[in-house]
Amino acid sequence: MRNPTALEDLSTKISLLVEKYNRVKDENIMLSEELAEIKKTVEEQNQEILRLQEEEELRMMEIEDITQKIMKLLN
């Protein structure tokens, strides 16, 4: 049984580093894609919130208008 040479040992360490780099790079790509999807979802939800707020505002105005008309009828 022979001892690995410094070059073989270095080659093994470099191979392990390259494998780790590739795993981290793949994970980074996956996380970047997931982040983009989440940002898109958040933007869609923000737009939906704005739409619902506008609808609520219109309903409140309608309720106020109806209330005023009822008050006029009661006077």
C-alpha atoms as a PDB file:
ATOM      1  CA  MET A   1       0.000   0.000   0.000  1.00  0.00           C
ATOM      2  CA  ARG A   2       1.488   3.299  -1.021  1.00  0.00           C
ATOM      3  CA  ASN A   3       0.883   6.752   0.410  1.00  0.00           C
ATOM      4  CA  PRO A   4      -0.828   9.233  -1.878  1.00  0.00           C
ATOM      5  CA  THR A   5       1.497  11.806  -3.263  1.00  0.00           C
ATOM      6  CA  ALA A   6       0.955  15.475  -2.585  1.00  0.00           C
ATOM      7  CA  LEU A   7      -0.284  15.882  -6.167  1.00  0.00           C
ATOM      8  CA  GLU A   8      -2.841  13.080  -5.803  1.00  0.00           C
ATOM      9  CA  ASP A   9      -3.968  14.484  -2.464  1.00  0.00           C
ATOM     10  CA  LEU A  10      -4.321  17.962  -3.977  1.00  0.00           C
ATOM     11  CA  SER A  11      -6.169  16.532  -6.970  1.00  0.00           C
ATOM     12  CA  THR A  12      -8.643  14.799  -4.643  1.00  0.00           C
ATOM     13  CA  LYS A  13      -9.205  17.990  -2.662  1.00  0.00           C
ATOM     14  CA  ILE A  14      -9.730  20.002  -5.844  1.00  0.00           C
ATOM     15  CA  SER A  15     -12.225  17.428  -7.120  1.00  0.00           C
ATOM     16  CA  LEU A  16     -14.164  17.656  -3.863  1.00  0.00           C
ATOM     17  CA  LEU A  17     -14.153  21.452  -4.055  1.00  0.00           C
ATOM     18  CA  VAL A  18     -15.393  21.381  -7.654  1.00  0.00           C
ATOM     19  CA  GLU A  19     -18.194  18.997  -6.682  1.00  0.00           C
ATOM     20  CA  LYS A  20     -19.171  21.236  -3.766  1.00  0.00           C
ATOM     21  CA  TYR A  21     -19.029  24.310  -6.019  1.00  0.00           C
ATOM     22  CA  ASN A  22     -21.327  22.629  -8.555  1.00  0.00           C
ATOM     23  CA  ARG A  23     -23.807  21.648  -5.832  1.00  0.00           C
ATOM     24  CA  VAL A  24     -23.839  25.174  -4.419  1.00  0.00           C
ATOM     25  CA  LYS A  25     -24.148  26.668  -7.901  1.00  0.00           C
ATOM     26  CA  ASP A  26     -27.121  24.404  -8.688  1.00  0.00           C
ATOM     27  CA  GLU A  27     -28.719  25.272  -5.360  1.00  0.00           C
ATOM     28  CA  ASN A  28     -28.161  28.968  -6.063  1.00  0.00           C
ATOM     29  CA  ILE A  29     -29.850  28.659  -9.452  1.00  0.00           C
ATOM     30  CA  MET A  30     -32.775  26.832  -7.882  1.00  0.00           C
ATOM     31  CA  LEU A  31     -33.116  29.442  -5.128  1.00  0.00           C
ATOM     32  CA  SER A  32     -32.905  32.289  -7.653  1.00  0.00           C
ATOM     33  CA  GLU A  33     -35.713  30.743  -9.694  1.00  0.00           C
ATOM     34  CA  GLU A  34     -37.789  30.207  -6.559  1.00  0.00           C
ATOM     35  CA  LEU A  35     -37.172  33.807  -5.492  1.00  0.00           C
ATOM     36  CA  ALA A  36     -38.314  35.067  -8.901  1.00  0.00           C
ATOM     37  CA  GLU A  37     -41.519  33.014  -8.604  1.00  0.00           C
ATOM     38  CA  ILE A  38     -42.153  34.297  -5.093  1.00  0.00           C
ATOM     39  CA  LYS A  39     -41.596  37.913  -6.194  1.00  0.00           C
ATOM     40  CA  LYS A  40     -44.088  37.385  -9.012  1.00  0.00           C
ATOM     41  CA  THR A  41     -46.617  35.906  -6.586  1.00  0.00           C
ATOM     42  CA  VAL A  42     -46.152  38.784  -4.142  1.00  0.00           C
ATOM     43  CA  GLU A  43     -46.654  41.323  -6.923  1.00  0.00           C
ATOM     44  CA  GLU A  44     -49.842  39.563  -8.047  1.00  0.00           C
ATOM     45  CA  GLN A  45     -51.102  39.495  -4.458  1.00  0.00           C
ATOM     46  CA  ASN A  46     -50.305  43.193  -4.018  1.00  0.00           C
ATOM     47  CA  GLN A  47     -52.297  43.997  -7.153  1.00  0.00           C
ATOM     48  CA  GLU A  48     -55.188  41.897  -5.863  1.00  0.00           C
ATOM     49  CA  ILE A  49     -55.069  43.727  -2.522  1.00  0.00           C
ATOM     50  CA  LEU A  50     -55.219  47.077  -4.322  1.00  0.00           C
ATOM     51  CA  ARG A  51     -58.158  45.902  -6.411  1.00  0.00           C
ATOM     52  CA  LEU A  52     -60.009  44.708  -3.314  1.00  0.00           C
ATOM     53  CA  GLN A  53     -59.288  47.968  -1.489  1.00  0.00           C
ATOM     54  CA  GLU A  54     -60.698  49.939  -4.416  1.00  0.00           C
ATOM     55  CA  GLU A  55     -63.803  47.748  -4.462  1.00  0.00           C
ATOM     56  CA  GLU A  56     -64.256  48.220  -0.733  1.00  0.00           C
ATOM     57  CA  GLU A  57     -63.905  51.967  -1.126  1.00  0.00           C
ATOM     58  CA  LEU A  58     -66.589  51.972  -3.833  1.00  0.00           C
ATOM     59  CA  ARG A  59     -68.922  49.895  -1.664  1.00  0.00           C
ATOM     60  CA  MET A  60     -68.401  52.250   1.259  1.00  0.00           C
ATOM     61  CA  MET A  61     -69.270  55.174  -0.997  1.00  0.00           C
ATOM     62  CA  GLU A  62     -72.400  53.352  -2.181  1.00  0.00           C
ATOM     63  CA  ILE A  63     -73.396  52.630   1.418  1.00  0.00           C
ATOM     64  CA  GLU A  64     -72.866  56.261   2.332  1.00  0.00           C
ATOM     65  CA  ASP A  65     -74.963  57.359  -0.631  1.00  0.00           C
ATOM     66  CA  ILE A  66     -77.757  54.959   0.300  1.00  0.00           C
ATOM     67  CA  THR A  67     -77.598  56.123   3.905  1.00  0.00           C
ATOM     68  CA  GLN A  68     -77.936  59.757   2.825  1.00  0.00           C
ATOM     69  CA  LYS A  69     -80.920  58.912   0.631  1.00  0.00           C
ATOM     70  CA  ILE A  70     -82.610  57.084   3.502  1.00  0.00           C
ATOM     71  CA  MET A  71     -81.954  60.007   5.813  1.00  0.00           C
ATOM     72  CA  LYS A  72     -83.553  62.380   3.294  1.00  0.00           C
ATOM     73  CA  LEU A  73     -86.580  60.143   3.016  1.00  0.00           C
ATOM     74  CA  LEU A  74     -86.945  60.017   6.780  1.00  0.00           C
ATOM     75  CA  ASN A  75     -86.830  63.815   7.143  1.00  0.00           C
END
